[in-house]
Amino acid sequence: MTIASCIWIGIEHLAIDVAVGAVRSHRHTRQVFCGGLAAAEGLRAAVNEQTSTGQSGDLEPEWHDADPGTIIGAGLLSDLLRQRSPVEEVVLVLPPWDARHHPAPLGTGVEVSLAVPSLEVTLDHTRGFVESVVMSAAAARAVMSPPESIGMTILSPATSAHSALGAGLQALTETWTYVEQSSWQDQGLQLALMQPAQWLSERASTKR
């Protein structure tokens, strides 16, 4: 029997309960987790614990250090998608809408949460955000074929944007998804933007 793969991208932004729930609901689907592994050690430990106490025949998850916002990372993800075919679903976990702040210099008395992101941080966040969405979608679409493949799901940040940049990226993502959906549907594939809890609820109910 050919085993389908679920490819996760951006796991450094993935909530532990969603990852554990995905493994629990898809025990006979190969889970391939990609992203910044150094920032996802807790998630990795929780997922591995779930699979170690699972049932006989459960598939061990794969872990790959790959960032779609870089040329090297995008190339690695493209290769993984081709090598792990058939791909049932690609799940892109978005970072927070708002750019990360630079820590305030010691002794200034300025809270980190109140610090204003520098232009470099803002541009880097914007570029990486857009590239992750576009490159992940292009790689996913190239290897998918219905009815074995569901399509691609973009997991939205749990909190709304609190800055002009974040609001712009949120609107861009929502509009891009809406416009792209019809061309994916023409291929018999889904393209969806949803909250992590919604994804987990829908996938748990289908038990694919």
N, C-alpha and C. Protein backbone atom coordinates (compact mmCIF):
# COMPACT_ATOMS: atom_id res chain seq x y z
N MET A 1 0.84 -1.20 0.00
CA MET A 1 0.00 0.00 0.00
C MET A 1 0.88 1.25 0.00
N THR A 2 0.60 2.18 -0.89
CA THR A 2 1.34 3.43 -0.94
C THR A 2 0.87 4.36 0.18
N ILE A 3 1.82 4.92 0.91
CA ILE A 3 1.49 5.76 2.06
C ILE A 3 1.53 7.23 1.64
N ALA A 4 0.44 7.94 1.87
CA ALA A 4 0.38 9.35 1.53
C ALA A 4 1.12 10.17 2.58
N SER A 5 1.56 11.34 2.18
CA SER A 5 2.31 12.22 3.06
C SER A 5 1.55 13.51 3.33
N CYS A 6 1.69 14.00 4.54
CA CYS A 6 1.20 15.33 4.90
C CYS A 6 2.45 16.16 5.23
N ILE A 7 2.69 17.20 4.44
CA ILE A 7 3.89 18.01 4.58
C ILE A 7 3.55 19.28 5.37
N TRP A 8 4.23 19.48 6.48
CA TRP A 8 4.05 20.67 7.31
C TRP A 8 5.20 21.63 7.05
N ILE A 9 4.88 22.89 6.80
CA ILE A 9 5.90 23.91 6.54
C ILE A 9 5.74 25.05 7.54
N GLY A 10 6.86 25.44 8.16
CA GLY A 10 6.81 26.52 9.15
C GLY A 10 6.45 26.04 10.53
N ILE A 11 6.98 24.89 10.94
CA ILE A 11 6.56 24.29 12.21
C ILE A 11 7.00 25.08 13.43
N GLU A 12 7.93 26.02 13.25
CA GLU A 12 8.32 26.85 14.39
C GLU A 12 7.17 27.74 14.86
N HIS A 13 6.13 27.85 14.02
CA HIS A 13 4.94 28.64 14.38
C HIS A 13 3.73 27.76 14.69
N LEU A 14 3.94 26.46 14.76
CA LEU A 14 2.84 25.51 14.95
C LEU A 14 2.60 25.24 16.43
N ALA A 15 1.34 25.29 16.86
CA ALA A 15 1.00 24.99 18.24
C ALA A 15 1.16 23.49 18.50
N ILE A 16 1.63 23.15 19.69
CA ILE A 16 1.89 21.75 20.03
C ILE A 16 0.63 20.90 19.96
N ASP A 17 -0.50 21.44 20.45
CA ASP A 17 -1.72 20.63 20.47
C ASP A 17 -2.20 20.30 19.06
N VAL A 18 -1.97 21.19 18.11
CA VAL A 18 -2.38 20.92 16.73
C VAL A 18 -1.50 19.84 16.12
N ALA A 19 -0.19 19.93 16.37
CA ALA A 19 0.73 18.92 15.84
C ALA A 19 0.44 17.54 16.41
N VAL A 20 0.23 17.47 17.72
CA VAL A 20 -0.07 16.19 18.36
C VAL A 20 -1.41 15.65 17.87
N GLY A 21 -2.39 16.53 17.72
CA GLY A 21 -3.69 16.10 17.21
C GLY A 21 -3.62 15.59 15.79
N ALA A 22 -2.76 16.21 14.98
CA ALA A 22 -2.61 15.77 13.60
C ALA A 22 -2.02 14.38 13.53
N VAL A 23 -1.01 14.12 14.35
CA VAL A 23 -0.38 12.80 14.37
C VAL A 23 -1.37 11.75 14.89
N ARG A 24 -2.14 12.11 15.88
CA ARG A 24 -3.10 11.17 16.47
C ARG A 24 -4.22 10.82 15.48
N SER A 25 -4.64 11.79 14.67
CA SER A 25 -5.75 11.57 13.74
C SER A 25 -5.30 10.97 12.41
N HIS A 26 -4.01 11.03 12.12
CA HIS A 26 -3.49 10.55 10.84
C HIS A 26 -2.37 9.55 11.07
N ARG A 27 -2.65 8.49 11.81
CA ARG A 27 -1.60 7.55 12.20
C ARG A 27 -1.00 6.80 11.02
N HIS A 28 -1.73 6.67 9.93
CA HIS A 28 -1.23 5.92 8.79
C HIS A 28 -0.91 6.83 7.61
N THR A 29 -0.64 8.09 7.93
CA THR A 29 -0.16 9.05 6.94
C THR A 29 1.21 9.52 7.39
N ARG A 30 2.15 9.58 6.47
CA ARG A 30 3.50 10.03 6.80
C ARG A 30 3.47 11.54 7.10
N GLN A 31 3.81 11.94 8.32
CA GLN A 31 3.86 13.34 8.71
C GLN A 31 5.29 13.85 8.54
N VAL A 32 5.45 14.84 7.68
CA VAL A 32 6.77 15.40 7.39
C VAL A 32 6.78 16.84 7.87
N PHE A 33 7.52 17.11 8.94
CA PHE A 33 7.55 18.43 9.57
C PHE A 33 8.79 19.19 9.11
N CYS A 34 8.58 20.38 8.54
CA CYS A 34 9.69 21.19 8.00
C CYS A 34 9.64 22.60 8.59
N GLY A 35 10.82 23.13 8.86
CA GLY A 35 10.90 24.48 9.39
C GLY A 35 12.13 24.66 10.25
N GLY A 36 12.10 25.68 11.11
CA GLY A 36 13.21 25.94 12.01
C GLY A 36 13.19 24.99 13.19
N LEU A 37 13.95 23.92 13.13
CA LEU A 37 13.92 22.89 14.17
C LEU A 37 14.42 23.41 15.51
N ALA A 38 15.37 24.35 15.48
CA ALA A 38 15.92 24.86 16.73
C ALA A 38 14.85 25.58 17.56
N ALA A 39 13.86 26.15 16.89
CA ALA A 39 12.79 26.86 17.58
C ALA A 39 11.58 25.98 17.85
N ALA A 40 11.68 24.69 17.53
CA ALA A 40 10.53 23.80 17.68
C ALA A 40 10.89 22.55 18.48
N GLU A 41 11.81 22.67 19.41
CA GLU A 41 12.26 21.51 20.18
C GLU A 41 11.13 20.94 21.05
N GLY A 42 10.36 21.83 21.68
CA GLY A 42 9.25 21.37 22.51
C GLY A 42 8.20 20.65 21.71
N LEU A 43 7.88 21.18 20.55
CA LEU A 43 6.89 20.54 19.67
C LEU A 43 7.40 19.18 19.21
N ARG A 44 8.65 19.11 18.85
CA ARG A 44 9.22 17.85 18.37
C ARG A 44 9.18 16.79 19.45
N ALA A 45 9.49 17.17 20.68
CA ALA A 45 9.47 16.21 21.79
C ALA A 45 8.04 15.71 22.05
N ALA A 46 7.05 16.62 21.98
CA ALA A 46 5.67 16.22 22.22
C ALA A 46 5.15 15.29 21.13
N VAL A 47 5.49 15.57 19.88
CA VAL A 47 5.06 14.71 18.78
C VAL A 47 5.72 13.34 18.86
N ASN A 48 7.01 13.32 19.15
CA ASN A 48 7.72 12.04 19.25
C ASN A 48 7.19 11.21 20.41
N GLU A 49 6.80 11.87 21.49
CA GLU A 49 6.23 11.14 22.62
C GLU A 49 4.89 10.52 22.24
N GLN A 50 4.11 11.26 21.46
CA GLN A 50 2.83 10.74 21.01
C GLN A 50 3.00 9.50 20.15
N THR A 51 3.97 9.53 19.24
CA THR A 51 4.17 8.39 18.36
C THR A 51 4.82 7.21 19.08
N SER A 52 5.64 7.48 20.10
CA SER A 52 6.30 6.39 20.83
C SER A 52 5.31 5.59 21.66
N THR A 53 4.19 6.21 22.04
CA THR A 53 3.17 5.51 22.82
C THR A 53 1.99 5.10 21.96
N GLY A 54 2.17 5.14 20.64
CA GLY A 54 1.08 4.82 19.72
C GLY A 54 0.92 3.34 19.49
N GLN A 55 0.28 3.04 18.39
CA GLN A 55 -0.05 1.66 18.06
C GLN A 55 1.02 1.06 17.15
N SER A 56 1.04 -0.23 17.11
CA SER A 56 1.99 -0.92 16.23
C SER A 56 1.67 -0.58 14.78
N GLY A 57 2.68 -0.26 14.02
CA GLY A 57 2.47 0.10 12.63
C GLY A 57 2.36 1.58 12.39
N ASP A 58 2.33 2.39 13.47
CA ASP A 58 2.29 3.84 13.30
C ASP A 58 3.58 4.32 12.62
N LEU A 59 3.44 5.34 11.81
CA LEU A 59 4.59 5.87 11.09
C LEU A 59 5.32 6.91 11.94
N GLU A 60 6.63 6.84 11.96
CA GLU A 60 7.42 7.84 12.67
C GLU A 60 7.43 9.14 11.85
N PRO A 61 7.27 10.28 12.50
CA PRO A 61 7.31 11.55 11.76
C PRO A 61 8.73 11.85 11.29
N GLU A 62 8.82 12.62 10.22
CA GLU A 62 10.11 13.08 9.72
C GLU A 62 10.30 14.54 10.11
N TRP A 63 11.56 14.94 10.29
CA TRP A 63 11.88 16.31 10.67
C TRP A 63 12.96 16.85 9.74
N HIS A 64 12.69 18.02 9.16
CA HIS A 64 13.65 18.62 8.22
C HIS A 64 13.80 20.11 8.50
N ASP A 65 15.04 20.56 8.58
CA ASP A 65 15.33 21.97 8.80
C ASP A 65 15.28 22.67 7.45
N ALA A 66 14.16 23.32 7.14
CA ALA A 66 13.98 23.94 5.82
C ALA A 66 13.10 25.17 5.93
N ASP A 67 13.56 26.27 5.39
CA ASP A 67 12.83 27.54 5.41
C ASP A 67 12.46 27.91 3.97
N PRO A 68 11.16 27.92 3.64
CA PRO A 68 10.76 28.23 2.26
C PRO A 68 11.07 29.66 1.85
N GLY A 69 11.40 30.51 2.84
CA GLY A 69 11.73 31.90 2.54
C GLY A 69 13.15 32.09 2.06
N THR A 70 13.92 31.00 1.97
CA THR A 70 15.29 31.06 1.45
C THR A 70 15.40 30.19 0.21
N ILE A 71 16.38 30.49 -0.63
CA ILE A 71 16.56 29.72 -1.86
C ILE A 71 16.88 28.26 -1.55
N ILE A 72 17.78 28.04 -0.59
CA ILE A 72 18.16 26.68 -0.22
C ILE A 72 16.98 25.93 0.38
N GLY A 73 16.27 26.59 1.29
CA GLY A 73 15.13 25.96 1.93
C GLY A 73 14.02 25.63 0.95
N ALA A 74 13.75 26.55 0.03
CA ALA A 74 12.71 26.30 -0.98
C ALA A 74 13.08 25.12 -1.87
N GLY A 75 14.37 25.03 -2.21
CA GLY A 75 14.81 23.90 -3.03
C GLY A 75 14.67 22.58 -2.30
N LEU A 76 15.02 22.58 -1.01
CA LEU A 76 14.89 21.37 -0.20
C LEU A 76 13.44 20.94 -0.09
N LEU A 77 12.54 21.90 0.12
CA LEU A 77 11.12 21.58 0.23
C LEU A 77 10.58 21.01 -1.08
N SER A 78 11.00 21.57 -2.19
CA SER A 78 10.55 21.06 -3.49
C SER A 78 10.99 19.61 -3.68
N ASP A 79 12.23 19.31 -3.29
CA ASP A 79 12.73 17.94 -3.40
C ASP A 79 11.96 17.00 -2.48
N LEU A 80 11.68 17.44 -1.26
CA LEU A 80 10.95 16.62 -0.30
C LEU A 80 9.54 16.29 -0.81
N LEU A 81 8.89 17.29 -1.38
CA LEU A 81 7.54 17.07 -1.90
C LEU A 81 7.54 16.03 -3.01
N ARG A 82 8.53 16.09 -3.88
CA ARG A 82 8.60 15.11 -4.96
C ARG A 82 8.95 13.72 -4.44
N GLN A 83 9.86 13.66 -3.47
CA GLN A 83 10.32 12.38 -2.96
C GLN A 83 9.28 11.70 -2.06
N ARG A 84 8.40 12.48 -1.43
CA ARG A 84 7.41 11.91 -0.51
C ARG A 84 6.06 11.71 -1.18
N SER A 85 6.02 11.76 -2.48
CA SER A 85 4.77 11.54 -3.22
C SER A 85 4.27 10.11 -2.98
N PRO A 86 2.93 9.89 -2.89
CA PRO A 86 1.87 10.87 -3.08
C PRO A 86 1.69 11.79 -1.87
N VAL A 87 1.45 13.05 -2.16
CA VAL A 87 1.25 14.05 -1.11
C VAL A 87 -0.25 14.26 -0.92
N GLU A 88 -0.72 13.95 0.26
CA GLU A 88 -2.13 14.13 0.56
C GLU A 88 -2.47 15.60 0.79
N GLU A 89 -1.63 16.28 1.56
CA GLU A 89 -1.91 17.67 1.90
C GLU A 89 -0.62 18.38 2.28
N VAL A 90 -0.54 19.66 1.94
CA VAL A 90 0.52 20.53 2.42
C VAL A 90 -0.12 21.55 3.35
N VAL A 91 0.45 21.68 4.54
CA VAL A 91 -0.06 22.63 5.53
C VAL A 91 1.02 23.67 5.79
N LEU A 92 0.75 24.91 5.44
CA LEU A 92 1.68 26.00 5.68
C LEU A 92 1.24 26.75 6.94
N VAL A 93 2.12 26.79 7.92
CA VAL A 93 1.83 27.50 9.18
C VAL A 93 2.43 28.90 9.09
N LEU A 94 1.58 29.89 9.08
CA LEU A 94 2.06 31.27 8.93
C LEU A 94 2.66 31.78 10.23
N PRO A 95 3.66 32.65 10.12
CA PRO A 95 4.19 33.33 11.32
C PRO A 95 3.19 34.39 11.77
N PRO A 96 3.43 35.03 12.91
CA PRO A 96 2.54 36.14 13.32
C PRO A 96 2.46 37.20 12.23
N TRP A 97 1.31 37.85 12.12
CA TRP A 97 1.15 38.88 11.10
C TRP A 97 2.16 40.00 11.30
N ASP A 98 2.39 40.37 12.54
CA ASP A 98 3.25 41.51 12.84
C ASP A 98 4.72 41.11 12.88
N ALA A 99 5.61 42.02 12.47
CA ALA A 99 7.04 41.75 12.49
C ALA A 99 7.54 41.65 13.92
N ARG A 100 8.53 40.79 14.13
CA ARG A 100 9.15 40.67 15.44
C ARG A 100 9.88 41.97 15.78
N HIS A 101 9.93 42.25 17.08
CA HIS A 101 10.61 43.46 17.54
C HIS A 101 12.05 43.15 17.92
N HIS A 102 12.91 44.15 17.70
CA HIS A 102 14.26 44.04 18.23
C HIS A 102 14.20 44.24 19.74
N PRO A 103 14.94 43.45 20.55
CA PRO A 103 14.98 43.71 21.98
C PRO A 103 15.51 45.11 22.26
N ALA A 104 14.94 45.78 23.23
CA ALA A 104 15.41 47.11 23.61
C ALA A 104 16.76 47.00 24.28
N PRO A 105 17.66 47.97 24.08
CA PRO A 105 18.97 47.94 24.73
C PRO A 105 18.83 47.86 26.24
N LEU A 106 19.72 47.13 26.89
CA LEU A 106 19.68 46.99 28.33
C LEU A 106 19.83 48.35 29.01
N GLY A 107 19.05 48.55 30.05
CA GLY A 107 19.17 49.79 30.81
C GLY A 107 18.33 50.92 30.29
N THR A 108 17.59 50.71 29.19
CA THR A 108 16.78 51.80 28.64
C THR A 108 15.43 51.89 29.32
N GLY A 109 15.01 50.81 29.98
CA GLY A 109 13.70 50.81 30.61
C GLY A 109 12.56 50.64 29.65
N VAL A 110 12.85 50.33 28.40
CA VAL A 110 11.81 50.16 27.37
C VAL A 110 11.42 48.69 27.31
N GLU A 111 10.15 48.40 27.41
CA GLU A 111 9.68 47.03 27.29
C GLU A 111 9.87 46.53 25.86
N VAL A 112 10.22 45.25 25.72
CA VAL A 112 10.43 44.68 24.40
C VAL A 112 9.18 44.79 23.55
N SER A 113 8.01 44.57 24.17
CA SER A 113 6.76 44.58 23.41
C SER A 113 6.42 45.96 22.87
N LEU A 114 7.07 47.01 23.43
CA LEU A 114 6.79 48.37 22.97
C LEU A 114 7.84 48.86 21.98
N ALA A 115 8.87 48.08 21.78
CA ALA A 115 9.92 48.49 20.85
C ALA A 115 9.38 48.50 19.43
N VAL A 116 9.85 49.46 18.64
CA VAL A 116 9.41 49.56 17.25
C VAL A 116 10.37 48.77 16.36
N PRO A 117 9.85 47.89 15.51
CA PRO A 117 10.74 47.13 14.64
C PRO A 117 11.54 48.05 13.72
N SER A 118 12.78 47.70 13.48
CA SER A 118 13.60 48.49 12.57
C SER A 118 13.14 48.22 11.14
N LEU A 119 13.60 49.06 10.22
CA LEU A 119 13.24 48.88 8.81
C LEU A 119 13.75 47.54 8.31
N GLU A 120 14.93 47.13 8.76
CA GLU A 120 15.48 45.85 8.34
C GLU A 120 14.60 44.69 8.78
N VAL A 121 14.12 44.74 10.02
CA VAL A 121 13.24 43.68 10.52
C VAL A 121 11.93 43.67 9.74
N THR A 122 11.38 44.85 9.49
CA THR A 122 10.11 44.96 8.77
C THR A 122 10.21 44.39 7.35
N LEU A 123 11.26 44.78 6.63
CA LEU A 123 11.43 44.30 5.26
C LEU A 123 11.69 42.79 5.23
N ASP A 124 12.50 42.31 6.16
CA ASP A 124 12.81 40.89 6.19
C ASP A 124 11.56 40.07 6.49
N HIS A 125 10.75 40.55 7.41
CA HIS A 125 9.50 39.85 7.76
C HIS A 125 8.56 39.82 6.56
N THR A 126 8.41 40.95 5.89
CA THR A 126 7.49 41.03 4.75
C THR A 126 7.94 40.12 3.61
N ARG A 127 9.22 40.18 3.28
CA ARG A 127 9.74 39.36 2.19
C ARG A 127 9.61 37.87 2.51
N GLY A 128 10.01 37.49 3.72
CA GLY A 128 9.93 36.08 4.10
C GLY A 128 8.51 35.57 4.13
N PHE A 129 7.59 36.41 4.59
CA PHE A 129 6.18 36.04 4.68
C PHE A 129 5.62 35.75 3.29
N VAL A 130 5.79 36.68 2.38
CA VAL A 130 5.24 36.54 1.03
C VAL A 130 5.90 35.37 0.29
N GLU A 131 7.22 35.26 0.41
CA GLU A 131 7.92 34.18 -0.28
C GLU A 131 7.49 32.81 0.23
N SER A 132 7.24 32.70 1.53
CA SER A 132 6.81 31.41 2.08
C SER A 132 5.48 30.98 1.47
N VAL A 133 4.54 31.90 1.36
CA VAL A 133 3.23 31.57 0.81
C VAL A 133 3.34 31.19 -0.67
N VAL A 134 4.01 32.03 -1.44
CA VAL A 134 4.08 31.81 -2.89
C VAL A 134 4.88 30.57 -3.24
N MET A 135 6.06 30.41 -2.62
CA MET A 135 6.91 29.26 -2.95
C MET A 135 6.30 27.95 -2.47
N SER A 136 5.70 27.96 -1.30
CA SER A 136 5.09 26.73 -0.78
C SER A 136 3.92 26.31 -1.67
N ALA A 137 3.12 27.27 -2.09
CA ALA A 137 1.97 26.95 -2.95
C ALA A 137 2.42 26.41 -4.30
N ALA A 138 3.46 27.02 -4.87
CA ALA A 138 3.93 26.56 -6.18
C ALA A 138 4.49 25.14 -6.09
N ALA A 139 5.26 24.86 -5.04
CA ALA A 139 5.82 23.52 -4.88
C ALA A 139 4.73 22.49 -4.62
N ALA A 140 3.75 22.85 -3.80
CA ALA A 140 2.67 21.93 -3.48
C ALA A 140 1.83 21.60 -4.70
N ARG A 141 1.49 22.61 -5.46
CA ARG A 141 0.62 22.41 -6.62
C ARG A 141 1.29 21.54 -7.68
N ALA A 142 2.61 21.63 -7.76
CA ALA A 142 3.35 20.90 -8.80
C ALA A 142 3.34 19.40 -8.58
N VAL A 143 3.13 18.95 -7.33
CA VAL A 143 3.23 17.50 -7.05
C VAL A 143 1.90 16.86 -6.70
N MET A 144 0.82 17.62 -6.70
CA MET A 144 -0.46 17.08 -6.26
C MET A 144 -1.30 16.59 -7.43
N SER A 145 -2.02 15.50 -7.16
CA SER A 145 -2.93 14.96 -8.17
C SER A 145 -4.13 14.36 -7.46
N PRO A 146 -5.33 14.90 -7.75
CA PRO A 146 -6.54 14.33 -7.17
C PRO A 146 -6.82 12.96 -7.79
N PRO A 147 -7.55 12.05 -7.12
CA PRO A 147 -8.19 12.27 -5.83
C PRO A 147 -7.29 11.95 -4.64
N GLU A 148 -6.04 11.53 -4.88
CA GLU A 148 -5.16 11.20 -3.77
C GLU A 148 -4.81 12.43 -2.93
N SER A 149 -4.79 13.60 -3.56
CA SER A 149 -4.39 14.82 -2.87
C SER A 149 -5.59 15.68 -2.49
N ILE A 150 -5.55 16.21 -1.27
CA ILE A 150 -6.59 17.14 -0.83
C ILE A 150 -6.31 18.53 -1.38
N GLY A 151 -5.08 19.00 -1.17
CA GLY A 151 -4.71 20.34 -1.58
C GLY A 151 -3.81 20.97 -0.54
N MET A 152 -3.88 22.27 -0.41
CA MET A 152 -3.04 23.01 0.52
C MET A 152 -3.89 23.81 1.48
N THR A 153 -3.49 23.78 2.74
CA THR A 153 -4.15 24.57 3.77
C THR A 153 -3.15 25.54 4.38
N ILE A 154 -3.55 26.79 4.48
CA ILE A 154 -2.73 27.81 5.13
C ILE A 154 -3.33 28.05 6.51
N LEU A 155 -2.54 27.80 7.54
CA LEU A 155 -3.02 28.02 8.90
C LEU A 155 -2.73 29.45 9.33
N SER A 156 -3.79 30.17 9.61
CA SER A 156 -3.69 31.58 9.97
C SER A 156 -3.22 31.73 11.42
N PRO A 157 -2.48 32.80 11.73
CA PRO A 157 -2.13 33.06 13.13
C PRO A 157 -3.37 33.17 14.00
N ALA A 158 -3.25 32.73 15.23
CA ALA A 158 -4.41 32.70 16.13
C ALA A 158 -4.86 34.10 16.54
N THR A 159 -3.94 35.07 16.51
CA THR A 159 -4.28 36.44 16.91
C THR A 159 -4.27 37.35 15.69
N SER A 160 -5.11 38.38 15.74
CA SER A 160 -5.21 39.34 14.64
C SER A 160 -3.99 40.26 14.63
N ALA A 161 -3.84 40.96 13.52
CA ALA A 161 -2.72 41.89 13.38
C ALA A 161 -2.94 43.10 14.29
N HIS A 162 -1.81 43.65 14.77
CA HIS A 162 -1.86 44.84 15.63
C HIS A 162 -1.06 46.00 15.05
N SER A 163 -0.61 45.85 13.81
CA SER A 163 0.16 46.91 13.17
C SER A 163 -0.32 47.07 11.74
N ALA A 164 0.06 48.20 11.13
CA ALA A 164 -0.32 48.44 9.74
C ALA A 164 0.28 47.37 8.83
N LEU A 165 1.53 47.00 9.08
CA LEU A 165 2.18 45.96 8.28
C LEU A 165 1.43 44.64 8.42
N GLY A 166 1.12 44.26 9.66
CA GLY A 166 0.42 43.01 9.89
C GLY A 166 -0.94 42.98 9.24
N ALA A 167 -1.67 44.10 9.34
CA ALA A 167 -2.99 44.17 8.72
C ALA A 167 -2.88 44.04 7.20
N GLY A 168 -1.83 44.63 6.64
CA GLY A 168 -1.63 44.52 5.20
C GLY A 168 -1.32 43.11 4.77
N LEU A 169 -0.47 42.41 5.52
CA LEU A 169 -0.13 41.03 5.20
C LEU A 169 -1.34 40.11 5.37
N GLN A 170 -2.15 40.39 6.37
CA GLN A 170 -3.36 39.59 6.58
C GLN A 170 -4.32 39.77 5.40
N ALA A 171 -4.52 41.02 4.99
CA ALA A 171 -5.41 41.29 3.85
C ALA A 171 -4.86 40.68 2.57
N LEU A 172 -3.54 40.78 2.38
CA LEU A 172 -2.91 40.21 1.19
C LEU A 172 -3.11 38.70 1.13
N THR A 173 -2.90 38.03 2.26
CA THR A 173 -3.04 36.57 2.32
C THR A 173 -4.48 36.15 2.04
N GLU A 174 -5.42 36.84 2.64
CA GLU A 174 -6.83 36.51 2.44
C GLU A 174 -7.24 36.72 0.99
N THR A 175 -6.80 37.83 0.39
CA THR A 175 -7.15 38.11 -1.00
C THR A 175 -6.48 37.13 -1.95
N TRP A 176 -5.20 36.85 -1.71
CA TRP A 176 -4.48 35.91 -2.56
C TRP A 176 -5.14 34.53 -2.53
N THR A 177 -5.51 34.08 -1.35
CA THR A 177 -6.17 32.77 -1.22
C THR A 177 -7.49 32.76 -1.96
N TYR A 178 -8.27 33.81 -1.80
CA TYR A 178 -9.58 33.89 -2.44
C TYR A 178 -9.45 33.84 -3.96
N VAL A 179 -8.50 34.60 -4.51
CA VAL A 179 -8.32 34.66 -5.96
C VAL A 179 -7.78 33.34 -6.51
N GLU A 180 -6.88 32.71 -5.77
CA GLU A 180 -6.24 31.48 -6.23
C GLU A 180 -7.15 30.26 -6.14
N GLN A 181 -8.14 30.30 -5.28
CA GLN A 181 -8.96 29.11 -5.02
C GLN A 181 -9.59 28.54 -6.28
N SER A 182 -10.06 29.38 -7.17
CA SER A 182 -10.75 28.89 -8.36
C SER A 182 -9.84 28.06 -9.26
N SER A 183 -8.59 28.50 -9.42
CA SER A 183 -7.67 27.74 -10.28
C SER A 183 -7.29 26.41 -9.64
N TRP A 184 -7.21 26.35 -8.31
CA TRP A 184 -6.96 25.08 -7.63
C TRP A 184 -8.16 24.16 -7.79
N GLN A 185 -9.36 24.73 -7.69
CA GLN A 185 -10.58 23.92 -7.84
C GLN A 185 -10.68 23.34 -9.24
N ASP A 186 -10.19 24.06 -10.23
CA ASP A 186 -10.20 23.55 -11.60
C ASP A 186 -9.37 22.28 -11.72
N GLN A 187 -8.39 22.11 -10.84
CA GLN A 187 -7.56 20.91 -10.82
C GLN A 187 -8.08 19.86 -9.84
N GLY A 188 -9.23 20.13 -9.23
CA GLY A 188 -9.79 19.20 -8.26
C GLY A 188 -9.10 19.26 -6.91
N LEU A 189 -8.47 20.40 -6.60
CA LEU A 189 -7.74 20.56 -5.36
C LEU A 189 -8.33 21.69 -4.51
N GLN A 190 -8.12 21.59 -3.21
CA GLN A 190 -8.58 22.62 -2.29
C GLN A 190 -7.44 23.57 -1.94
N LEU A 191 -7.78 24.82 -1.78
CA LEU A 191 -6.86 25.80 -1.21
C LEU A 191 -7.66 26.55 -0.16
N ALA A 192 -7.21 26.46 1.09
CA ALA A 192 -8.01 27.03 2.18
C ALA A 192 -7.12 27.80 3.14
N LEU A 193 -7.70 28.82 3.73
CA LEU A 193 -7.08 29.59 4.80
C LEU A 193 -7.97 29.44 6.02
N MET A 194 -7.44 28.87 7.08
CA MET A 194 -8.26 28.64 8.26
C MET A 194 -7.46 28.70 9.55
N GLN A 195 -8.16 28.79 10.66
CA GLN A 195 -7.53 28.77 11.97
C GLN A 195 -7.08 27.35 12.30
N PRO A 196 -6.01 27.19 13.08
CA PRO A 196 -5.53 25.85 13.43
C PRO A 196 -6.60 24.96 14.06
N ALA A 197 -7.39 25.52 14.96
CA ALA A 197 -8.42 24.72 15.63
C ALA A 197 -9.46 24.21 14.63
N GLN A 198 -9.78 25.02 13.64
CA GLN A 198 -10.75 24.60 12.61
C GLN A 198 -10.18 23.46 11.78
N TRP A 199 -8.92 23.58 11.39
CA TRP A 199 -8.27 22.52 10.62
C TRP A 199 -8.27 21.22 11.39
N LEU A 200 -7.90 21.29 12.67
CA LEU A 200 -7.82 20.09 13.48
C LEU A 200 -9.18 19.44 13.63
N SER A 201 -10.21 20.25 13.80
CA SER A 201 -11.56 19.72 13.95
C SER A 201 -12.04 19.03 12.67
N GLU A 202 -11.78 19.67 11.54
CA GLU A 202 -12.23 19.09 10.26
C GLU A 202 -11.48 17.82 9.91
N ARG A 203 -10.18 17.81 10.12
CA ARG A 203 -9.40 16.62 9.76
C ARG A 203 -9.67 15.47 10.73
N ALA A 204 -9.91 15.79 11.98
CA ALA A 204 -10.22 14.72 12.95
C ALA A 204 -11.55 14.06 12.62
N SER A 205 -12.50 14.85 12.08
CA SER A 205 -13.82 14.30 11.77
C SER A 205 -13.80 13.44 10.52
N THR A 206 -12.88 13.77 9.57
CA THR A 206 -12.82 12.99 8.34
C THR A 206 -12.01 11.70 8.50
N LYS A 207 -11.03 11.73 9.44
CA LYS A 207 -10.19 10.55 9.71
C LYS A 207 -9.55 10.01 8.45
N ARG A 208 -9.04 10.95 7.63
CA ARG A 208 -8.39 10.51 6.39
C ARG A 208 -7.08 9.81 6.70
